[in-house]
Amino acid sequence: MAKEIKFSEEARRAMLRGVDSLANAVKVTLGPKGRNVFLRRNSVHHLSLMMV
């Protein structure tokens, strides 16, 4: 993975995009009707556990 150094507003926007992406994937696992989520990154498969 290439490393990039970002500062100020650009860094905040990049971090917010990452946090939003993670939150969108995880939010369906929360609550009484939570579901399992299948995440894929670089052809490696990860299965998250249901969070209550």
N, C-alpha and C. Protein backbone atom coordinates (compact mmCIF):
# COMPACT_ATOMS: atom_id res chain seq x y z
N MET A 1 0.84 -1.16 0.00
CA MET A 1 0.00 0.00 0.00
C MET A 1 0.90 1.24 0.00
N ALA A 2 0.64 2.14 -0.89
CA ALA A 2 1.41 3.38 -0.98
C ALA A 2 1.07 4.27 0.21
N LYS A 3 2.06 4.99 0.68
CA LYS A 3 1.84 5.89 1.81
C LYS A 3 1.72 7.31 1.31
N GLU A 4 0.73 8.00 1.81
CA GLU A 4 0.51 9.40 1.46
C GLU A 4 0.43 10.20 2.74
N ILE A 5 1.01 11.37 2.73
CA ILE A 5 0.92 12.27 3.87
C ILE A 5 0.03 13.43 3.47
N LYS A 6 -1.03 13.61 4.23
CA LYS A 6 -1.98 14.69 3.95
C LYS A 6 -2.06 15.58 5.18
N PHE A 7 -2.34 16.85 4.95
CA PHE A 7 -2.40 17.81 6.04
C PHE A 7 -3.70 18.59 5.99
N SER A 8 -4.07 19.12 7.12
CA SER A 8 -5.16 20.08 7.27
C SER A 8 -6.49 19.56 6.73
N GLU A 9 -7.17 20.37 5.94
CA GLU A 9 -8.52 20.05 5.45
C GLU A 9 -8.52 18.79 4.58
N GLU A 10 -7.51 18.61 3.77
CA GLU A 10 -7.42 17.41 2.92
C GLU A 10 -7.36 16.14 3.78
N ALA A 11 -6.61 16.19 4.87
CA ALA A 11 -6.50 15.05 5.78
C ALA A 11 -7.84 14.77 6.46
N ARG A 12 -8.53 15.83 6.88
CA ARG A 12 -9.84 15.64 7.51
C ARG A 12 -10.85 15.01 6.56
N ARG A 13 -10.86 15.47 5.31
CA ARG A 13 -11.79 14.91 4.32
C ARG A 13 -11.49 13.44 4.06
N ALA A 14 -10.21 13.09 3.93
CA ALA A 14 -9.83 11.70 3.69
C ALA A 14 -10.22 10.82 4.87
N MET A 15 -10.00 11.29 6.09
CA MET A 15 -10.36 10.52 7.27
C MET A 15 -11.87 10.36 7.36
N LEU A 16 -12.62 11.40 7.07
CA LEU A 16 -14.07 11.34 7.12
C LEU A 16 -14.62 10.33 6.10
N ARG A 17 -14.03 10.29 4.90
CA ARG A 17 -14.45 9.31 3.90
C ARG A 17 -14.25 7.89 4.41
N GLY A 18 -13.11 7.64 5.05
CA GLY A 18 -12.83 6.31 5.60
C GLY A 18 -13.78 5.94 6.72
N VAL A 19 -14.03 6.87 7.62
CA VAL A 19 -14.94 6.62 8.75
C VAL A 19 -16.36 6.39 8.24
N ASP A 20 -16.80 7.18 7.28
CA ASP A 20 -18.14 7.00 6.71
C ASP A 20 -18.27 5.64 6.03
N SER A 21 -17.24 5.24 5.31
CA SER A 21 -17.26 3.95 4.63
C SER A 21 -17.39 2.81 5.64
N LEU A 22 -16.62 2.86 6.70
CA LEU A 22 -16.70 1.83 7.74
C LEU A 22 -18.05 1.86 8.44
N ALA A 23 -18.55 3.04 8.76
CA ALA A 23 -19.84 3.17 9.45
C ALA A 23 -20.97 2.61 8.59
N ASN A 24 -20.93 2.85 7.30
CA ASN A 24 -21.98 2.33 6.41
C ASN A 24 -21.96 0.81 6.37
N ALA A 25 -20.78 0.21 6.44
CA ALA A 25 -20.69 -1.25 6.43
C ALA A 25 -21.15 -1.85 7.75
N VAL A 26 -20.88 -1.19 8.85
CA VAL A 26 -21.16 -1.74 10.17
C VAL A 26 -22.57 -1.46 10.66
N LYS A 27 -23.21 -0.39 10.20
CA LYS A 27 -24.50 0.01 10.78
C LYS A 27 -25.59 -1.06 10.65
N VAL A 28 -25.53 -1.91 9.64
CA VAL A 28 -26.56 -2.95 9.51
C VAL A 28 -26.38 -4.06 10.54
N THR A 29 -25.23 -4.11 11.21
CA THR A 29 -25.02 -5.15 12.23
C THR A 29 -25.54 -4.73 13.59
N LEU A 30 -25.97 -3.49 13.73
CA LEU A 30 -26.41 -2.98 15.03
C LEU A 30 -27.91 -3.11 15.21
N GLY A 31 -28.33 -3.21 16.45
CA GLY A 31 -29.76 -3.25 16.75
C GLY A 31 -30.30 -4.66 16.87
N PRO A 32 -31.59 -4.77 17.20
CA PRO A 32 -32.20 -6.08 17.43
C PRO A 32 -32.30 -6.94 16.17
N LYS A 33 -32.32 -6.34 15.01
CA LYS A 33 -32.40 -7.10 13.77
C LYS A 33 -31.07 -7.06 13.02
N GLY A 34 -29.97 -6.96 13.76
CA GLY A 34 -28.64 -6.87 13.16
C GLY A 34 -28.32 -8.08 12.30
N ARG A 35 -27.58 -7.84 11.23
CA ARG A 35 -27.21 -8.90 10.30
C ARG A 35 -25.69 -9.01 10.22
N ASN A 36 -25.20 -10.15 9.75
CA ASN A 36 -23.77 -10.30 9.50
C ASN A 36 -23.42 -9.59 8.20
N VAL A 37 -22.18 -9.15 8.09
CA VAL A 37 -21.73 -8.40 6.92
C VAL A 37 -20.50 -9.08 6.35
N PHE A 38 -20.43 -9.17 5.04
CA PHE A 38 -19.30 -9.76 4.34
C PHE A 38 -18.49 -8.63 3.72
N LEU A 39 -17.24 -8.47 4.13
CA LEU A 39 -16.39 -7.40 3.63
C LEU A 39 -15.30 -7.98 2.74
N ARG A 40 -14.99 -7.30 1.64
CA ARG A 40 -13.95 -7.76 0.74
C ARG A 40 -12.96 -6.62 0.50
N ARG A 41 -11.68 -6.95 0.60
CA ARG A 41 -10.63 -5.96 0.34
C ARG A 41 -9.46 -6.69 -0.29
N ASN A 42 -9.06 -6.27 -1.46
CA ASN A 42 -7.92 -6.86 -2.16
C ASN A 42 -8.04 -8.37 -2.31
N SER A 43 -9.21 -8.84 -2.65
CA SER A 43 -9.49 -10.26 -2.87
C SER A 43 -9.31 -11.13 -1.63
N VAL A 44 -9.21 -10.52 -0.48
CA VAL A 44 -9.15 -11.27 0.77
C VAL A 44 -10.50 -11.10 1.44
N HIS A 45 -11.10 -12.20 1.85
CA HIS A 45 -12.44 -12.15 2.40
C HIS A 45 -12.40 -12.11 3.92
N HIS A 46 -13.22 -11.25 4.48
CA HIS A 46 -13.34 -11.11 5.93
C HIS A 46 -14.82 -11.17 6.28
N LEU A 47 -15.15 -11.86 7.33
CA LEU A 47 -16.53 -11.93 7.80
C LEU A 47 -16.60 -11.30 9.18
N SER A 48 -17.38 -10.25 9.29
CA SER A 48 -17.49 -9.59 10.60
C SER A 48 -18.46 -10.37 11.47
N LEU A 49 -18.24 -10.32 12.76
CA LEU A 49 -19.16 -10.94 13.70
C LEU A 49 -20.33 -10.01 13.95
N MET A 50 -21.48 -10.58 14.23
CA MET A 50 -22.64 -9.75 14.50
C MET A 50 -22.42 -9.00 15.81
N MET A 51 -22.60 -7.70 15.77
CA MET A 51 -22.41 -6.87 16.95
C MET A 51 -23.78 -6.54 17.54
N VAL A 52 -23.90 -6.65 18.84
CA VAL A 52 -25.18 -6.38 19.51
C VAL A 52 -25.03 -5.16 20.38
